[in-house]
Protein backbone atom coordinates (compact mmCIF):
# COMPACT_ATOMS: atom_id res chain seq x y z
CA MET A 1 33.47 24.15 -7.07
CA GLU A 2 35.25 26.78 -9.16
CA ILE A 3 35.70 26.32 -12.89
CA GLY A 4 39.51 26.54 -12.82
CA PRO A 5 40.24 23.54 -10.62
CA LEU A 6 37.33 21.63 -12.14
CA SER A 7 38.68 22.05 -15.68
CA ALA A 8 41.50 19.59 -15.06
CA GLN A 9 39.24 17.02 -13.40
CA ASP A 10 36.07 17.30 -15.48
CA PRO A 11 36.50 19.55 -18.54
CA GLN A 12 32.98 18.96 -19.85
CA ARG A 13 31.41 20.03 -16.58
CA ALA A 14 33.71 23.06 -16.48
CA LEU A 15 32.60 24.00 -20.01
CA LYS A 16 28.96 23.68 -18.96
CA MET A 17 29.52 25.84 -15.87
CA ASN A 18 31.33 28.42 -17.99
CA ALA A 19 28.46 28.57 -20.48
CA GLU A 20 26.03 29.20 -17.62
CA LEU A 21 27.86 32.31 -16.40
CA THR A 22 25.60 35.29 -17.01
CA ASP A 23 28.19 38.09 -17.06
CA PRO A 24 29.76 38.14 -20.55
CA SER A 25 33.12 39.45 -19.35
CA VAL A 26 33.38 36.88 -16.56
CA ARG A 27 32.34 34.13 -19.01
CA ALA A 28 34.97 35.28 -21.54
CA ALA A 29 37.76 35.53 -18.96
CA SER A 30 36.87 32.17 -17.46
CA GLY A 31 36.63 30.63 -20.92
CA ALA A 32 40.08 31.88 -21.82
CA ARG A 33 41.57 30.30 -18.70
CA LEU A 34 39.64 27.10 -19.44
CA ALA A 35 41.12 27.06 -22.95
CA ALA A 36 44.59 26.65 -21.47
CA THR A 37 43.48 23.39 -19.87
CA LEU A 38 41.80 22.14 -23.05
CA VAL A 39 44.47 23.11 -25.57
CA LYS A 40 46.01 19.62 -25.75
CA SER A 41 42.91 17.47 -25.31
CA ASN A 42 40.52 19.57 -27.39
CA PRO A 43 42.39 22.21 -29.41
CA GLU A 44 39.32 23.19 -31.45
CA GLN A 45 37.28 23.93 -28.32
CA ALA A 46 40.22 25.83 -26.83
CA ALA A 47 40.57 27.92 -29.99
CA ASP A 48 36.84 28.68 -29.94
CA LEU A 49 36.99 29.83 -26.30
CA LEU A 50 39.96 32.09 -27.04
CA LYS A 51 38.22 33.50 -30.11
CA LYS A 52 35.12 34.29 -28.04
CA ALA A 53 37.25 36.00 -25.40
CA LYS A 54 38.93 38.18 -28.04
CA GLU A 55 35.54 39.07 -29.50
CA ALA A 56 34.26 39.93 -26.03
CA ILE A 57 37.10 42.42 -25.54
CA ALA A 58 36.08 44.17 -28.75
CA GLU A 59 32.44 44.29 -27.65
CA ALA A 60 33.02 45.32 -24.03
CA LYS A 61 32.42 48.96 -23.25
CA ASP A 62 33.50 49.06 -19.61
CA PRO A 63 37.29 49.25 -19.10
CA THR A 64 36.98 46.94 -16.09
CA ASP A 65 35.34 44.29 -18.25
CA LYS A 66 38.06 44.67 -20.90
CA LEU A 67 40.73 44.29 -18.23
CA ARG A 68 39.05 41.21 -16.74
CA ILE A 69 39.02 39.51 -20.15
CA LEU A 70 42.58 40.58 -20.93
CA VAL A 71 43.79 39.12 -17.63
CA GLY A 72 42.03 35.84 -18.48
CA LEU A 73 43.74 35.75 -21.86
CA ALA A 74 47.13 36.54 -20.30
CA GLN A 75 46.66 33.78 -17.73
CA ALA A 76 45.73 31.36 -20.50
CA GLN A 77 48.81 32.33 -22.51
CA ALA A 78 51.08 31.89 -19.51
CA ALA A 79 49.56 28.50 -18.69
CA MET A 80 49.95 27.31 -22.28
CA GLU A 81 53.61 28.31 -22.33
CA GLU A 82 54.23 26.30 -19.17
CA LYS A 83 52.90 23.09 -20.74
C-alpha cells in the first residue's frame, strides 16, 4: 500500500513506512504530504515533517530532488488549505 492513502487510515504505519524510505528526497516529499494528513491530529509531528522537508531542499544538490521535495511541500500546502 502507498503511504498517501495509508496516512488517513493508519498514520503511525504511514510514518513508519516513510521513515524506511531510503532516498532522502522521496522521504522528504512523502513526509511533507503526510504532514497534511497529520496537521490536525498531531500538529507537532506534522511541523517536524515539514521542517525536515525544508531542510532536505537546502541539502539537495540535484535539481530533480529539489523539485520532488518542492512538489511534496506544495501538495501538503494545498491539502492543508482544503481542510
